Every structure is written in C-alpha cells, then in structure tokens.
C-alpha cells in the first residue's frame, strides 16, 4: 500500500485535469443558451466542487505525516452513542 504522501502527485495531476475540463466547459458555455446552458452550468459547478475536493485531498496527503494534528482530520473528538431501538 502506498503512503499518503506518495499519492499527492496523483491528486495534483487529477486537479490539473479537472481544471482543464472546467476551462473547456467554460469556453463551450459561451455559445450555449437555454437548457443547454443550464446543464453546462451544472457541470461547471460539479467540476468546481471536484476540483476543490481534489485540492483538499492533495493538501492532506502532502502534509499528513509532517503537519501537527489539530483534530480536524481525525474522529477523536466524536462521541459515539449506542443506538437504542425503542
């Protein structure tokens, strides 16, 4: 199994591909109208979300072993409550 820091370049490459896809969709959307434009805007919103997630994953992977823990990446602060079905 690969270490997280070894996955960071793959996340960076994926982010580049997502950015290129977003730019292509933006260029394509300039000539669209109506429902096609609405669908294009939805694709762009999805691509932006995916790009943001990919950047976050890259940052986590790059610094997982070197950054101090602030509990943001762990579930240590979660309280587990047993489920009781009534």
PDB file of N, CA and C in Angstrom:
ATOM      1  N   UNK A   1       0.847  -1.179   0.000  1.00  0.00           N
ATOM      2  CA  UNK A   1       0.000   0.000   0.000  1.00  0.00           C
ATOM      3  C   UNK A   1       0.892   1.241   0.000  1.00  0.00           C
ATOM      4  N   UNK A   2       0.520   2.216  -0.792  1.00  0.00           N
ATOM      5  CA  UNK A   2       1.302   3.453  -0.910  1.00  0.00           C
ATOM      6  C   UNK A   2       1.065   4.361   0.296  1.00  0.00           C
ATOM      7  N   UNK A   3       2.096   5.089   0.656  1.00  0.00           N
ATOM      8  CA  UNK A   3       1.957   6.093   1.710  1.00  0.00           C
ATOM      9  C   UNK A   3       1.157   7.270   1.154  1.00  0.00           C
ATOM     10  N   UNK A   4       0.479   7.961   2.020  1.00  0.00           N
ATOM     11  CA  UNK A   4      -0.340   9.092   1.578  1.00  0.00           C
ATOM     12  C   UNK A   4       0.469  10.126   0.819  1.00  0.00           C
ATOM     13  N   UNK A   5       1.677  10.417   1.286  1.00  0.00           N
ATOM     14  CA  UNK A   5       2.484  11.439   0.606  1.00  0.00           C
ATOM     15  C   UNK A   5       2.822  11.012  -0.818  1.00  0.00           C
ATOM     16  N   UNK A   6       2.851   9.691  -1.080  1.00  0.00           N
ATOM     17  CA  UNK A   6       3.115   9.199  -2.431  1.00  0.00           C
ATOM     18  C   UNK A   6       1.914   9.387  -3.356  1.00  0.00           C
ATOM     19  N   UNK A   7       0.743   9.569  -2.786  1.00  0.00           N
ATOM     20  CA  UNK A   7      -0.473   9.776  -3.582  1.00  0.00           C
ATOM     21  C   UNK A   7      -0.662  11.237  -3.986  1.00  0.00           C
ATOM     22  N   UNK A   8       0.004  12.146  -3.320  1.00  0.00           N
ATOM     23  CA  UNK A   8      -0.178  13.577  -3.574  1.00  0.00           C
ATOM     24  C   UNK A   8       0.036  13.960  -5.035  1.00  0.00           C
ATOM     25  N   UNK A   9       1.069  13.458  -5.711  1.00  0.00           N
ATOM     26  CA  UNK A   9       1.234  13.829  -7.125  1.00  0.00           C
ATOM     27  C   UNK A   9       0.054  13.390  -7.998  1.00  0.00           C
ATOM     28  N   UNK A  10      -0.528  12.243  -7.694  1.00  0.00           N
ATOM     29  CA  UNK A  10      -1.696  11.786  -8.453  1.00  0.00           C
ATOM     30  C   UNK A  10      -2.882  12.723  -8.238  1.00  0.00           C
ATOM     31  N   UNK A  11      -3.054  13.194  -7.011  1.00  0.00           N
ATOM     32  CA  UNK A  11      -4.126  14.154  -6.734  1.00  0.00           C
ATOM     33  C   UNK A  11      -3.868  15.469  -7.471  1.00  0.00           C
ATOM     34  N   UNK A  12      -2.604  15.877  -7.540  1.00  0.00           N
ATOM     35  CA  UNK A  12      -2.257  17.099  -8.260  1.00  0.00           C
ATOM     36  C   UNK A  12      -2.566  16.938  -9.751  1.00  0.00           C
ATOM     37  N   UNK A  13      -2.204  15.793 -10.326  1.00  0.00           N
ATOM     38  CA  UNK A  13      -2.488  15.530 -11.736  1.00  0.00           C
ATOM     39  C   UNK A  13      -3.993  15.521 -12.009  1.00  0.00           C
ATOM     40  N   UNK A  14      -4.736  14.919 -11.096  1.00  0.00           N
ATOM     41  CA  UNK A  14      -6.196  14.886 -11.251  1.00  0.00           C
ATOM     42  C   UNK A  14      -6.768  16.297 -11.183  1.00  0.00           C
ATOM     43  N   UNK A  15      -6.216  17.130 -10.306  1.00  0.00           N
ATOM     44  CA  UNK A  15      -6.686  18.516 -10.200  1.00  0.00           C
ATOM     45  C   UNK A  15      -6.406  19.279 -11.488  1.00  0.00           C
ATOM     46  N   UNK A  16      -5.263  19.020 -12.105  1.00  0.00           N
ATOM     47  CA  UNK A  16      -4.942  19.676 -13.383  1.00  0.00           C
ATOM     48  C   UNK A  16      -5.951  19.264 -14.454  1.00  0.00           C
ATOM     49  N   UNK A  17      -6.262  17.970 -14.514  1.00  0.00           N
ATOM     50  CA  UNK A  17      -7.243  17.505 -15.499  1.00  0.00           C
ATOM     51  C   UNK A  17      -8.620  18.102 -15.249  1.00  0.00           C
ATOM     52  N   UNK A  18      -8.992  18.223 -13.982  1.00  0.00           N
ATOM     53  CA  UNK A  18     -10.281  18.834 -13.655  1.00  0.00           C
ATOM     54  C   UNK A  18     -10.300  20.312 -14.046  1.00  0.00           C
ATOM     55  N   UNK A  19      -9.194  21.017 -13.810  1.00  0.00           N
ATOM     56  CA  UNK A  19      -9.100  22.429 -14.178  1.00  0.00           C
ATOM     57  C   UNK A  19      -9.232  22.584 -15.691  1.00  0.00           C
ATOM     58  N   UNK A  20      -8.580  21.719 -16.459  1.00  0.00           N
ATOM     59  CA  UNK A  20      -8.675  21.773 -17.918  1.00  0.00           C
ATOM     60  C   UNK A  20     -10.099  21.482 -18.388  1.00  0.00           C
ATOM     61  N   UNK A  21     -10.748  20.526 -17.755  1.00  0.00           N
ATOM     62  CA  UNK A  21     -12.137  20.213 -18.106  1.00  0.00           C
ATOM     63  C   UNK A  21     -13.050  21.393 -17.788  1.00  0.00           C
ATOM     64  N   UNK A  22     -12.805  22.056 -16.670  1.00  0.00           N
ATOM     65  CA  UNK A  22     -13.601  23.228 -16.294  1.00  0.00           C
ATOM     66  C   UNK A  22     -13.399  24.354 -17.297  1.00  0.00           C
ATOM     67  N   UNK A  23     -12.163  24.603 -17.687  1.00  0.00           N
ATOM     68  CA  UNK A  23     -11.893  25.658 -18.674  1.00  0.00           C
ATOM     69  C   UNK A  23     -12.535  25.340 -20.018  1.00  0.00           C
ATOM     70  N   UNK A  24     -12.500  24.070 -20.415  1.00  0.00           N
ATOM     71  CA  UNK A  24     -13.141  23.672 -21.679  1.00  0.00           C
ATOM     72  C   UNK A  24     -14.645  23.872 -21.611  1.00  0.00           C
ATOM     73  N   UNK A  25     -15.229  23.533 -20.471  1.00  0.00           N
ATOM     74  CA  UNK A  25     -16.682  23.703 -20.309  1.00  0.00           C
ATOM     75  C   UNK A  25     -17.047  25.188 -20.297  1.00  0.00           C
ATOM     76  N   UNK A  26     -16.219  26.011 -19.674  1.00  0.00           N
ATOM     77  CA  UNK A  26     -16.478  27.450 -19.670  1.00  0.00           C
ATOM     78  C   UNK A  26     -16.434  28.011 -21.090  1.00  0.00           C
ATOM     79  N   UNK A  27     -15.491  27.567 -21.876  1.00  0.00           N
ATOM     80  CA  UNK A  27     -15.393  28.026 -23.266  1.00  0.00           C
ATOM     81  C   UNK A  27     -16.601  27.555 -24.067  1.00  0.00           C
ATOM     82  N   UNK A  28     -17.014  26.321 -23.834  1.00  0.00           N
ATOM     83  CA  UNK A  28     -18.161  25.762 -24.536  1.00  0.00           C
ATOM     84  C   UNK A  28     -19.452  26.471 -24.150  1.00  0.00           C
ATOM     85  N   UNK A  29     -19.555  26.890 -22.904  1.00  0.00           N
ATOM     86  CA  UNK A  29     -20.793  27.507 -22.398  1.00  0.00           C
ATOM     87  C   UNK A  29     -21.054  28.874 -23.025  1.00  0.00           C
ATOM     88  N   UNK A  30     -20.025  29.510 -23.558  1.00  0.00           N
ATOM     89  CA  UNK A  30     -20.206  30.841 -24.153  1.00  0.00           C
ATOM     90  C   UNK A  30     -21.160  30.823 -25.336  1.00  0.00           C
ATOM     91  N   UNK A  31     -21.267  29.679 -26.007  1.00  0.00           N
ATOM     92  CA  UNK A  31     -22.110  29.572 -27.195  1.00  0.00           C
ATOM     93  C   UNK A  31     -23.443  28.893 -26.917  1.00  0.00           C
ATOM     94  N   UNK A  32     -23.752  28.627 -25.673  1.00  0.00           N
ATOM     95  CA  UNK A  32     -24.977  27.892 -25.347  1.00  0.00           C
ATOM     96  C   UNK A  32     -26.082  28.817 -24.857  1.00  0.00           C
ATOM     97  N   UNK A  33     -27.308  28.313 -24.976  1.00  0.00           N
ATOM     98  CA  UNK A  33     -28.484  29.035 -24.483  1.00  0.00           C
ATOM     99  C   UNK A  33     -29.458  28.037 -23.869  1.00  0.00           C
ATOM    100  N   UNK A  34     -30.376  28.561 -23.094  1.00  0.00           N
ATOM    101  CA  UNK A  34     -31.487  27.760 -22.566  1.00  0.00           C
ATOM    102  C   UNK A  34     -31.058  26.587 -21.710  1.00  0.00           C
ATOM    103  N   UNK A  35     -31.687  25.428 -22.001  1.00  0.00           N
ATOM    104  CA  UNK A  35     -31.436  24.232 -21.200  1.00  0.00           C
ATOM    105  C   UNK A  35     -29.994  23.755 -21.317  1.00  0.00           C
ATOM    106  N   UNK A  36     -29.404  23.917 -22.480  1.00  0.00           N
ATOM    107  CA  UNK A  36     -28.007  23.507 -22.666  1.00  0.00           C
ATOM    108  C   UNK A  36     -27.082  24.337 -21.776  1.00  0.00           C
ATOM    109  N   UNK A  37     -27.365  25.623 -21.639  1.00  0.00           N
ATOM    110  CA  UNK A  37     -26.566  26.489 -20.775  1.00  0.00           C
ATOM    111  C   UNK A  37     -26.772  26.098 -19.313  1.00  0.00           C
ATOM    112  N   UNK A  38     -27.996  25.789 -18.941  1.00  0.00           N
ATOM    113  CA  UNK A  38     -28.291  25.354 -17.575  1.00  0.00           C
ATOM    114  C   UNK A  38     -27.533  24.072 -17.245  1.00  0.00           C
ATOM    115  N   UNK A  39     -27.528  23.127 -18.176  1.00  0.00           N
ATOM    116  CA  UNK A  39     -26.811  21.871 -17.967  1.00  0.00           C
ATOM    117  C   UNK A  39     -25.305  22.125 -17.873  1.00  0.00           C
ATOM    118  N   UNK A  40     -24.807  23.028 -18.698  1.00  0.00           N
ATOM    119  CA  UNK A  40     -23.384  23.365 -18.672  1.00  0.00           C
ATOM    120  C   UNK A  40     -23.008  23.997 -17.340  1.00  0.00           C
ATOM    121  N   UNK A  41     -23.851  24.873 -16.821  1.00  0.00           N
ATOM    122  CA  UNK A  41     -23.583  25.498 -15.517  1.00  0.00           C
ATOM    123  C   UNK A  41     -23.561  24.453 -14.409  1.00  0.00           C
ATOM    124  N   UNK A  42     -24.433  23.460 -14.502  1.00  0.00           N
ATOM    125  CA  UNK A  42     -24.449  22.381 -13.507  1.00  0.00           C
ATOM    126  C   UNK A  42     -23.152  21.568 -13.593  1.00  0.00           C
ATOM    127  N   UNK A  43     -22.684  21.277 -14.823  1.00  0.00           N
ATOM    128  CA  UNK A  43     -21.418  20.561 -14.984  1.00  0.00           C
ATOM    129  C   UNK A  43     -20.267  21.379 -14.415  1.00  0.00           C
ATOM    130  N   UNK A  44     -20.273  22.687 -14.662  1.00  0.00           N
ATOM    131  CA  UNK A  44     -19.196  23.537 -14.138  1.00  0.00           C
ATOM    132  C   UNK A  44     -19.216  23.558 -12.614  1.00  0.00           C
ATOM    133  N   UNK A  45     -20.391  23.604 -12.020  1.00  0.00           N
ATOM    134  CA  UNK A  45     -20.484  23.586 -10.553  1.00  0.00           C
ATOM    135  C   UNK A  45     -19.932  22.268 -10.007  1.00  0.00           C
ATOM    136  N   UNK A  46     -20.254  21.167 -10.676  1.00  0.00           N
ATOM    137  CA  UNK A  46     -19.743  19.866 -10.248  1.00  0.00           C
ATOM    138  C   UNK A  46     -18.223  19.806 -10.396  1.00  0.00           C
ATOM    139  N   UNK A  47     -17.717  20.289 -11.510  1.00  0.00           N
ATOM    140  CA  UNK A  47     -16.262  20.302 -11.719  1.00  0.00           C
ATOM    141  C   UNK A  47     -15.553  21.169 -10.684  1.00  0.00           C
ATOM    142  N   UNK A  48     -16.144  22.309 -10.335  1.00  0.00           N
ATOM    143  CA  UNK A  48     -15.544  23.170  -9.296  1.00  0.00           C
ATOM    144  C   UNK A  48     -15.492  22.448  -7.960  1.00  0.00           C
ATOM    145  N   UNK A  49     -16.569  21.759  -7.630  1.00  0.00           N
ATOM    146  CA  UNK A  49     -16.618  21.011  -6.381  1.00  0.00           C
ATOM    147  C   UNK A  49     -15.580  19.891  -6.369  1.00  0.00           C
ATOM    148  N   UNK A  50     -15.479  19.168  -7.465  1.00  0.00           N
ATOM    149  CA  UNK A  50     -14.498  18.096  -7.572  1.00  0.00           C
ATOM    150  C   UNK A  50     -13.076  18.642  -7.488  1.00  0.00           C
ATOM    151  N   UNK A  51     -12.835  19.782  -8.121  1.00  0.00           N
ATOM    152  CA  UNK A  51     -11.517  20.409  -8.084  1.00  0.00           C
ATOM    153  C   UNK A  51     -11.158  20.825  -6.659  1.00  0.00           C
ATOM    154  N   UNK A  52     -12.105  21.406  -5.964  1.00  0.00           N
ATOM    155  CA  UNK A  52     -11.879  21.815  -4.572  1.00  0.00           C
ATOM    156  C   UNK A  52     -11.554  20.585  -3.708  1.00  0.00           C
ATOM    157  N   UNK A  53     -12.319  19.505  -3.886  1.00  0.00           N
ATOM    158  CA  UNK A  53     -12.076  18.283  -3.119  1.00  0.00           C
ATOM    159  C   UNK A  53     -10.709  17.694  -3.436  1.00  0.00           C
ATOM    160  N   UNK A  54     -10.332  17.711  -4.708  1.00  0.00           N
ATOM    161  CA  UNK A  54      -9.045  17.153  -5.107  1.00  0.00           C
ATOM    162  C   UNK A  54      -7.896  17.962  -4.503  1.00  0.00           C
ATOM    163  N   UNK A  55      -8.038  19.269  -4.482  1.00  0.00           N
ATOM    164  CA  UNK A  55      -7.008  20.111  -3.863  1.00  0.00           C
ATOM    165  C   UNK A  55      -6.903  19.817  -2.373  1.00  0.00           C
ATOM    166  N   UNK A  56      -8.046  19.660  -1.714  1.00  0.00           N
ATOM    167  CA  UNK A  56      -8.037  19.333  -0.289  1.00  0.00           C
ATOM    168  C   UNK A  56      -7.355  17.989  -0.037  1.00  0.00           C
ATOM    169  N   UNK A  57      -7.676  16.999  -0.863  1.00  0.00           N
ATOM    170  CA  UNK A  57      -7.053  15.687  -0.715  1.00  0.00           C
ATOM    171  C   UNK A  57      -5.543  15.768  -0.904  1.00  0.00           C
ATOM    172  N   UNK A  58      -5.108  16.544  -1.889  1.00  0.00           N
ATOM    173  CA  UNK A  58      -3.671  16.700  -2.119  1.00  0.00           C
ATOM    174  C   UNK A  58      -2.994  17.309  -0.901  1.00  0.00           C
ATOM    175  N   UNK A  59      -3.600  18.350  -0.335  1.00  0.00           N
ATOM    176  CA  UNK A  59      -3.002  19.005   0.827  1.00  0.00           C
ATOM    177  C   UNK A  59      -2.930  18.060   2.016  1.00  0.00           C
ATOM    178  N   UNK A  60      -3.979  17.282   2.224  1.00  0.00           N
ATOM    179  CA  UNK A  60      -3.969  16.317   3.323  1.00  0.00           C
ATOM    180  C   UNK A  60      -2.889  15.273   3.084  1.00  0.00           C
ATOM    181  N   UNK A  61      -2.826  14.763   1.857  1.00  0.00           N
ATOM    182  CA  UNK A  61      -1.843  13.720   1.546  1.00  0.00           C
ATOM    183  C   UNK A  61      -0.413  14.237   1.676  1.00  0.00           C
ATOM    184  N   UNK A  62      -0.160  15.461   1.223  1.00  0.00           N
ATOM    185  CA  UNK A  62       1.198  16.015   1.295  1.00  0.00           C
ATOM    186  C   UNK A  62       1.652  16.213   2.733  1.00  0.00           C
ATOM    187  N   UNK A  63       0.771  16.650   3.582  1.00  0.00           N
ATOM    188  CA  UNK A  63       1.193  17.016   4.925  1.00  0.00           C
ATOM    189  C   UNK A  63       0.773  16.079   6.025  1.00  0.00           C
ATOM    190  N   UNK A  64       0.228  14.935   5.669  1.00  0.00           N
ATOM    191  CA  UNK A  64      -0.306  14.035   6.692  1.00  0.00           C
ATOM    192  C   UNK A  64       0.741  13.622   7.713  1.00  0.00           C
ATOM    193  N   UNK A  65       1.956  13.358   7.250  1.00  0.00           N
ATOM    194  CA  UNK A  65       2.996  12.868   8.155  1.00  0.00           C
ATOM    195  C   UNK A  65       3.807  13.990   8.792  1.00  0.00           C
ATOM    196  N   UNK A  66       3.679  15.213   8.303  1.00  0.00           N
ATOM    197  CA  UNK A  66       4.536  16.289   8.787  1.00  0.00           C
ATOM    198  C   UNK A  66       3.784  17.369   9.560  1.00  0.00           C
ATOM    199  N   UNK A  67       2.530  17.551   9.299  1.00  0.00           N
ATOM    200  CA  UNK A  67       1.769  18.617   9.974  1.00  0.00           C
ATOM    201  C   UNK A  67       1.300  18.162  11.344  1.00  0.00           C
ATOM    202  N   UNK A  68       1.294  19.088  12.288  1.00  0.00           N
ATOM    203  CA  UNK A  68       0.772  18.731  13.612  1.00  0.00           C
ATOM    204  C   UNK A  68      -0.727  18.459  13.525  1.00  0.00           C
ATOM    205  N   UNK A  69      -1.186  17.587  14.344  1.00  0.00           N
ATOM    206  CA  UNK A  69      -2.601  17.223  14.355  1.00  0.00           C
ATOM    207  C   UNK A  69      -3.419  18.297  15.074  1.00  0.00           C
ATOM    208  N   UNK A  70      -4.479  18.726  14.433  1.00  0.00           N
ATOM    209  CA  UNK A  70      -5.370  19.690  15.070  1.00  0.00           C
ATOM    210  C   UNK A  70      -6.759  19.087  15.261  1.00  0.00           C
ATOM    211  N   UNK A  71      -6.836  17.780  15.176  1.00  0.00           N
ATOM    212  CA  UNK A  71      -8.067  17.011  15.320  1.00  0.00           C
ATOM    213  C   UNK A  71      -9.037  17.228  14.167  1.00  0.00           C
ATOM    214  N   UNK A  72      -8.679  18.061  13.186  1.00  0.00           N
ATOM    215  CA  UNK A  72      -9.568  18.281  12.060  1.00  0.00           C
ATOM    216  C   UNK A  72      -9.611  17.054  11.149  1.00  0.00           C
ATOM    217  N   UNK A  73      -8.574  16.243  11.166  1.00  0.00           N
ATOM    218  CA  UNK A  73      -8.505  15.089  10.279  1.00  0.00           C
ATOM    219  C   UNK A  73      -8.779  13.777  10.990  1.00  0.00           C
ATOM    220  N   UNK A  74      -9.188  13.843  12.242  1.00  0.00           N
ATOM    221  CA  UNK A  74      -9.431  12.613  12.987  1.00  0.00           C
ATOM    222  C   UNK A  74     -10.857  12.599  13.503  1.00  0.00           C
ATOM    223  N   UNK A  75     -11.230  11.462  14.012  1.00  0.00           N
ATOM    224  CA  UNK A  75     -12.550  11.343  14.622  1.00  0.00           C
ATOM    225  C   UNK A  75     -12.424  11.281  16.141  1.00  0.00           C
ATOM    226  N   UNK A  76     -11.285  11.730  16.683  1.00  0.00           N
ATOM    227  CA  UNK A  76     -11.036  11.636  18.117  1.00  0.00           C
ATOM    228  C   UNK A  76     -12.028  12.459  18.925  1.00  0.00           C
ATOM    229  N   UNK A  77     -12.571  13.504  18.333  1.00  0.00           N
ATOM    230  CA  UNK A  77     -13.488  14.373  19.066  1.00  0.00           C
ATOM    231  C   UNK A  77     -14.944  13.925  18.949  1.00  0.00           C
ATOM    232  N   UNK A  78     -15.202  12.834  18.213  1.00  0.00           N
ATOM    233  CA  UNK A  78     -16.554  12.336  18.018  1.00  0.00           C
ATOM    234  C   UNK A  78     -16.953  11.488  19.211  1.00  0.00           C
ATOM    235  N   UNK A  79     -18.136  11.710  19.728  1.00  0.00           N
ATOM    236  CA  UNK A  79     -18.675  10.897  20.808  1.00  0.00           C
ATOM    237  C   UNK A  79     -19.599   9.857  20.198  1.00  0.00           C
ATOM    238  N   UNK A  80     -19.331   8.613  20.477  1.00  0.00           N
ATOM    239  CA  UNK A  80     -20.149   7.527  19.948  1.00  0.00           C
ATOM    240  C   UNK A  80     -21.241   7.206  20.947  1.00  0.00           C
ATOM    241  N   UNK A  81     -22.452   7.203  20.467  1.00  0.00           N
ATOM    242  CA  UNK A  81     -23.598   6.907  21.323  1.00  0.00           C
ATOM    243  C   UNK A  81     -24.249   5.636  20.793  1.00  0.00           C
ATOM    244  N   UNK A  82     -24.493   4.704  21.699  1.00  0.00           N
ATOM    245  CA  UNK A  82     -25.132   3.461  21.275  1.00  0.00           C
ATOM    246  C   UNK A  82     -26.538   3.738  20.801  1.00  0.00           C
ATOM    247  N   UNK A  83     -26.930   2.979  19.814  1.00  0.00           N
ATOM    248  CA  UNK A  83     -28.281   3.126  19.272  1.00  0.00           C
ATOM    249  C   UNK A  83     -29.217   2.204  20.045  1.00  0.00           C
ATOM    250  N   UNK A  84     -30.320   2.769  20.472  1.00  0.00           N
ATOM    251  CA  UNK A  84     -31.335   2.000  21.168  1.00  0.00           C
ATOM    252  C   UNK A  84     -32.619   2.075  20.373  1.00  0.00           C
ATOM    253  N   UNK A  85     -33.027   0.969  19.819  1.00  0.00           N
ATOM    254  CA  UNK A  85     -34.297   0.929  19.097  1.00  0.00           C
ATOM    255  C   UNK A  85     -35.415   0.690  20.088  1.00  0.00           C
ATOM    256  N   UNK A  86     -36.374   1.597  20.051  1.00  0.00           N
ATOM    257  CA  UNK A  86     -37.456   1.584  21.023  1.00  0.00           C
ATOM    258  C   UNK A  86     -38.449   0.576  20.748  1.00  0.00           C
TER     259      UNK A  86
END
